[in-house]
Amino acid sequence: MKISSETKVRDIALSNPAARQVLEDAGLDYCCGGDKSLHESCLHAGTSAEEILDRLRENTQNAGPDDLNWMAAPLCDLTRHIREKHHRYVREAIPRTQALLEKVTARHGQNHSEVIDIGRLFAEVGKEMIMHMQKEEQILFPYIDSVERAVNAHTSVEPPFFQTVKNPVHVMMKEHDAAGELVRQIRSLSANYIAPADACTTFKALYEALKEFETDLHQHVHLENNVLFPRAVEMEPAAS
């Protein structure tokens, strides 16, 4: 794939895992903001498109077991991957990170009031993500899997109560935007996850946990917004 400053960041992210890492390291939004060109995304992030292009050309990475070509894999494999990797991670990371937040707030909250605001934002994104994942696991993913089974068996699927997959997809993408905005606020309050000079080990561990949470969210939303949802929308008419 030939990449230029006019290539959409979504398409760059889809090209290979190494490209996603370059975008992640540069703070470029390839999930919720995936429709922007690299040039537009770099302007928003205050970085140089040429520099990112140089990094993309230089960066190479061997594909691992989690780096399958999800544009070609069965959708049921992708929904299972999202549940087992990303949904599981979120459910495990929330209480672990909240415990760190409580410790840091108790010890440093008086001198670093930003951790109080970070705690409020993280509680909000955690609550929203739990409800979001439940809707996907109980409603949207089973329907997508049933559409794929029907297409493979050359049969039809019973029309869902939400009429078309486009409707829940639209809702899920809006919720992705909301979660993305919350973690952007956390990143800003934490000075890009750089702990203050007087930070203890727990404080540093908290910022590492928050950074890891954001990185996973980007990968999670990328797989849904840029791969799963478009493929499901394209496939649904063949099952009607």
Protein backbone atom coordinates (compact mmCIF):
# COMPACT_ATOMS: atom_id res chain seq x y z
CA MET A 1 0.00 0.00 0.00
CA LYS A 2 1.39 3.42 -1.00
CA ILE A 3 0.90 5.88 1.84
CA SER A 4 0.88 9.66 1.42
CA SER A 5 -0.16 12.63 3.53
CA GLU A 6 -3.63 12.37 1.94
CA THR A 7 -4.15 8.73 2.95
CA LYS A 8 -6.80 8.29 5.63
CA VAL A 9 -5.31 7.32 8.97
CA ARG A 10 -7.85 4.49 9.17
CA ASP A 11 -6.39 2.95 6.02
CA ILE A 12 -2.85 3.40 7.34
CA ALA A 13 -3.84 1.62 10.55
CA LEU A 14 -5.36 -1.20 8.53
CA SER A 15 -2.21 -1.65 6.46
CA ASN A 16 -0.14 -3.43 9.15
CA PRO A 17 0.46 -3.62 12.93
CA ALA A 18 3.68 -1.63 12.70
CA ALA A 19 1.80 1.30 11.16
CA ARG A 20 -0.70 1.29 14.02
CA GLN A 21 2.16 1.48 16.51
CA VAL A 22 3.65 4.49 14.70
CA LEU A 23 0.27 6.26 14.81
CA GLU A 24 -0.18 5.35 18.47
CA ASP A 25 3.26 6.62 19.43
CA ALA A 26 2.57 9.90 17.63
CA GLY A 27 -0.77 10.38 19.37
CA LEU A 28 -2.72 10.25 16.10
CA ASP A 29 -6.36 9.16 16.35
CA TYR A 30 -6.81 6.24 13.95
CA CYS A 31 -9.99 4.85 15.52
CA CYS A 32 -12.67 7.51 16.13
CA GLY A 33 -10.90 10.00 13.85
CA GLY A 34 -9.99 7.45 11.21
CA ASP A 35 -11.69 9.30 8.34
CA LYS A 36 -9.19 12.17 8.52
CA SER A 37 -6.22 12.26 6.19
CA LEU A 38 -2.76 11.88 7.70
CA HIS A 39 -2.20 15.58 6.97
CA GLU A 40 -5.37 16.61 8.83
CA SER A 41 -4.65 14.31 11.74
CA CYS A 42 -1.09 15.63 12.08
CA LEU A 43 -2.29 19.24 12.05
CA HIS A 44 -4.67 18.42 14.89
CA ALA A 45 -1.93 16.64 16.87
CA GLY A 46 0.68 19.33 16.20
CA THR A 47 3.13 17.04 14.44
CA SER A 48 4.61 16.75 10.95
CA ALA A 49 3.07 14.48 8.34
CA GLU A 50 6.47 14.10 6.69
CA GLU A 51 7.98 12.93 9.97
CA ILE A 52 5.23 10.34 10.37
CA LEU A 53 5.71 9.19 6.78
CA ASP A 54 9.42 8.75 7.45
CA ARG A 55 8.64 6.68 10.56
CA LEU A 56 6.18 4.56 8.60
CA ARG A 57 8.79 3.87 5.93
CA GLU A 58 11.44 2.98 8.49
CA ASN A 59 9.29 0.97 10.86
CA THR A 60 9.05 -2.77 10.35
CA GLN A 61 7.52 -5.35 12.64
CA ASN A 62 6.90 -9.06 12.42
CA ALA A 63 3.24 -10.01 12.70
CA GLY A 64 2.26 -11.87 15.81
CA PRO A 65 -0.74 -14.10 16.61
CA ASP A 66 -2.92 -11.06 17.35
CA ASP A 67 -2.05 -9.41 14.05
CA LEU A 68 -4.24 -11.45 11.74
CA ASN A 69 -5.76 -9.94 8.63
CA TRP A 70 -9.08 -9.11 10.21
CA MET A 71 -10.40 -7.74 6.93
CA ALA A 72 -10.43 -11.30 5.62
CA ALA A 73 -11.02 -13.39 8.77
CA PRO A 74 -14.53 -14.68 9.61
CA LEU A 75 -16.55 -12.11 11.53
CA CYS A 76 -17.29 -14.66 14.25
CA ASP A 77 -13.53 -14.93 14.85
CA LEU A 78 -13.28 -11.16 15.11
CA THR A 79 -16.19 -10.79 17.55
CA ARG A 80 -14.67 -13.56 19.68
CA HIS A 81 -11.26 -11.87 19.55
CA ILE A 82 -12.75 -8.55 20.69
CA ARG A 83 -14.61 -10.24 23.55
CA GLU A 84 -11.69 -12.37 24.71
CA LYS A 85 -8.92 -9.79 24.30
CA HIS A 86 -10.31 -6.30 24.62
CA HIS A 87 -13.51 -6.76 26.61
CA ARG A 88 -11.71 -9.01 29.04
CA TYR A 89 -8.87 -6.52 29.37
CA VAL A 90 -11.27 -3.66 30.16
CA ARG A 91 -13.08 -5.65 32.84
CA GLU A 92 -9.78 -6.56 34.49
CA ALA A 93 -8.15 -3.14 34.09
CA ILE A 94 -10.97 -1.07 35.58
CA PRO A 95 -10.80 -2.33 39.20
CA ARG A 96 -7.01 -2.56 39.06
CA THR A 97 -6.67 1.05 37.91
CA GLN A 98 -9.35 2.31 40.28
CA ALA A 99 -7.42 0.81 43.19
CA LEU A 100 -4.30 2.72 42.09
CA LEU A 101 -6.34 5.90 41.76
CA GLU A 102 -7.65 5.56 45.30
CA LYS A 103 -4.14 5.13 46.72
CA VAL A 104 -2.66 8.01 44.76
CA THR A 105 -5.57 10.32 45.56
CA ALA A 106 -5.28 9.57 49.27
CA ARG A 107 -1.56 10.28 49.30
CA HIS A 108 -1.11 12.98 46.65
CA GLY A 109 -4.57 14.46 46.06
CA GLN A 110 -3.93 17.51 48.20
CA ASN A 111 -0.86 18.56 46.19
CA HIS A 112 -1.97 17.13 42.85
CA SER A 113 -5.68 17.84 42.50
CA GLU A 114 -5.58 16.63 38.89
CA VAL A 115 -5.69 13.02 40.12
CA ILE A 116 -9.11 13.74 41.65
CA ASP A 117 -10.42 14.87 38.26
CA ILE A 118 -8.72 11.92 36.58
CA GLY A 119 -10.44 9.60 39.02
CA ARG A 120 -13.82 11.09 38.20
CA LEU A 121 -13.22 10.78 34.46
CA PHE A 122 -11.93 7.22 34.72
CA ALA A 123 -14.96 6.18 36.78
CA GLU A 124 -17.18 7.62 34.07
CA VAL A 125 -15.39 5.92 31.17
CA GLY A 126 -15.29 2.65 33.10
CA LYS A 127 -19.04 2.72 33.74
CA GLU A 128 -19.79 3.60 30.13
CA MET A 129 -17.50 0.89 28.75
CA ILE A 130 -19.07 -1.83 30.91
CA MET A 131 -22.57 -0.95 29.66
CA HIS A 132 -21.27 -0.58 26.11
CA MET A 133 -19.64 -4.02 26.09
CA GLN A 134 -22.77 -5.65 27.52
CA LYS A 135 -24.85 -4.29 24.64
CA GLU A 136 -22.32 -5.59 22.15
CA GLU A 137 -22.07 -9.04 23.73
CA GLN A 138 -25.80 -9.52 24.29
CA ILE A 139 -27.26 -7.90 21.17
CA LEU A 140 -24.95 -6.68 18.43
CA PHE A 141 -22.28 -9.38 18.24
CA PRO A 142 -24.77 -12.30 18.30
CA TYR A 143 -26.69 -10.66 15.47
CA ILE A 144 -23.56 -10.12 13.40
CA ASP A 145 -22.58 -13.75 13.95
CA SER A 146 -26.08 -14.87 12.87
CA VAL A 147 -25.86 -12.77 9.70
CA GLU A 148 -22.57 -14.42 8.80
CA ARG A 149 -23.97 -17.91 9.43
CA ALA A 150 -26.98 -17.14 7.24
CA VAL A 151 -24.81 -15.86 4.40
CA ASN A 152 -22.56 -18.91 4.58
CA ALA A 153 -25.60 -21.24 4.58
CA HIS A 154 -27.36 -19.25 1.82
CA THR A 155 -30.35 -18.66 4.08
CA SER A 156 -31.91 -15.54 5.59
CA VAL A 157 -31.83 -14.15 9.10
CA GLU A 158 -34.91 -13.03 11.00
CA PRO A 159 -35.18 -9.22 10.93
CA PRO A 160 -33.93 -7.80 14.24
CA PHE A 161 -35.95 -5.47 16.49
CA PHE A 162 -33.49 -2.69 15.60
CA GLN A 163 -34.40 -3.12 11.88
CA THR A 164 -30.87 -2.95 10.49
CA VAL A 165 -27.37 -3.39 11.87
CA LYS A 166 -26.67 0.21 10.89
CA ASN A 167 -28.74 1.44 13.84
CA PRO A 168 -26.84 -0.21 16.72
CA VAL A 169 -23.56 0.42 14.86
CA HIS A 170 -24.36 4.13 14.83
CA VAL A 171 -25.04 4.05 18.58
CA MET A 172 -21.86 2.09 19.33
CA MET A 173 -19.73 4.50 17.30
CA LYS A 174 -21.17 7.49 19.17
CA GLU A 175 -20.32 5.75 22.43
CA HIS A 176 -16.80 5.13 21.13
CA ASP A 177 -16.49 8.86 20.49
CA ALA A 178 -17.63 9.62 24.04
CA ALA A 179 -15.15 7.17 25.58
CA GLY A 180 -12.39 8.53 23.38
CA GLU A 181 -13.09 12.07 24.56
CA LEU A 182 -12.92 11.00 28.20
CA VAL A 183 -9.52 9.35 27.79
CA ARG A 184 -8.28 12.39 25.87
CA GLN A 185 -9.19 14.51 28.87
CA ILE A 186 -7.35 12.08 31.14
CA ARG A 187 -4.29 12.25 28.90
CA SER A 188 -4.38 16.07 29.05
CA LEU A 189 -4.77 16.21 32.85
CA SER A 190 -1.90 13.75 33.27
CA ALA A 191 0.42 15.74 30.97
CA ASN A 192 0.53 12.81 28.52
CA TYR A 193 0.97 10.34 31.40
CA ILE A 194 4.16 11.95 32.65
CA ALA A 195 4.22 11.62 36.43
CA PRO A 196 5.27 14.70 38.45
CA ALA A 197 8.75 14.98 39.96
CA ASP A 198 7.54 13.99 43.44
CA ALA A 199 5.60 10.95 42.21
CA CYS A 200 5.97 7.74 44.15
CA THR A 201 6.12 4.30 42.53
CA THR A 202 2.34 3.89 42.81
CA PHE A 203 1.77 7.25 41.13
CA LYS A 204 4.00 6.21 38.22
CA ALA A 205 2.25 2.84 38.04
CA LEU A 206 -1.10 4.64 37.82
CA TYR A 207 -0.04 6.71 34.84
CA GLU A 208 1.36 3.63 33.11
CA ALA A 209 -1.97 1.85 33.70
CA LEU A 210 -3.92 4.80 32.29
CA LYS A 211 -1.68 4.94 29.23
CA GLU A 212 -2.11 1.20 28.66
CA PHE A 213 -5.90 1.59 29.00
CA GLU A 214 -5.94 4.29 26.32
CA THR A 215 -3.77 2.22 23.96
CA ASP A 216 -6.05 -0.79 24.31
CA LEU A 217 -9.11 1.40 23.76
CA HIS A 218 -7.63 2.69 20.50
CA GLN A 219 -6.97 -0.85 19.25
CA HIS A 220 -10.41 -1.99 20.43
CA VAL A 221 -12.29 0.83 18.73
CA HIS A 222 -10.19 0.51 15.58
CA LEU A 223 -11.21 -3.12 15.16
CA GLU A 224 -14.88 -2.25 15.57
CA ASN A 225 -15.17 1.09 13.75
CA ASN A 226 -12.83 0.31 10.87
CA VAL A 227 -13.20 -3.45 10.42
CA LEU A 228 -16.12 -5.21 12.13
CA PHE A 229 -18.85 -2.63 11.65
CA PRO A 230 -18.22 -1.81 7.96
CA ARG A 231 -17.97 -5.51 7.10
CA ALA A 232 -21.20 -6.29 8.99
CA VAL A 233 -23.07 -3.46 7.25
CA GLU A 234 -21.84 -4.69 3.86
CA MET A 235 -22.75 -8.32 4.60
CA GLU A 236 -26.25 -7.82 6.05
CA PRO A 237 -28.18 -7.37 2.76
CA ALA A 238 -27.02 -10.83 1.63
CA ALA A 239 -28.80 -12.37 4.65
CA SER A 240 -32.14 -10.67 4.10
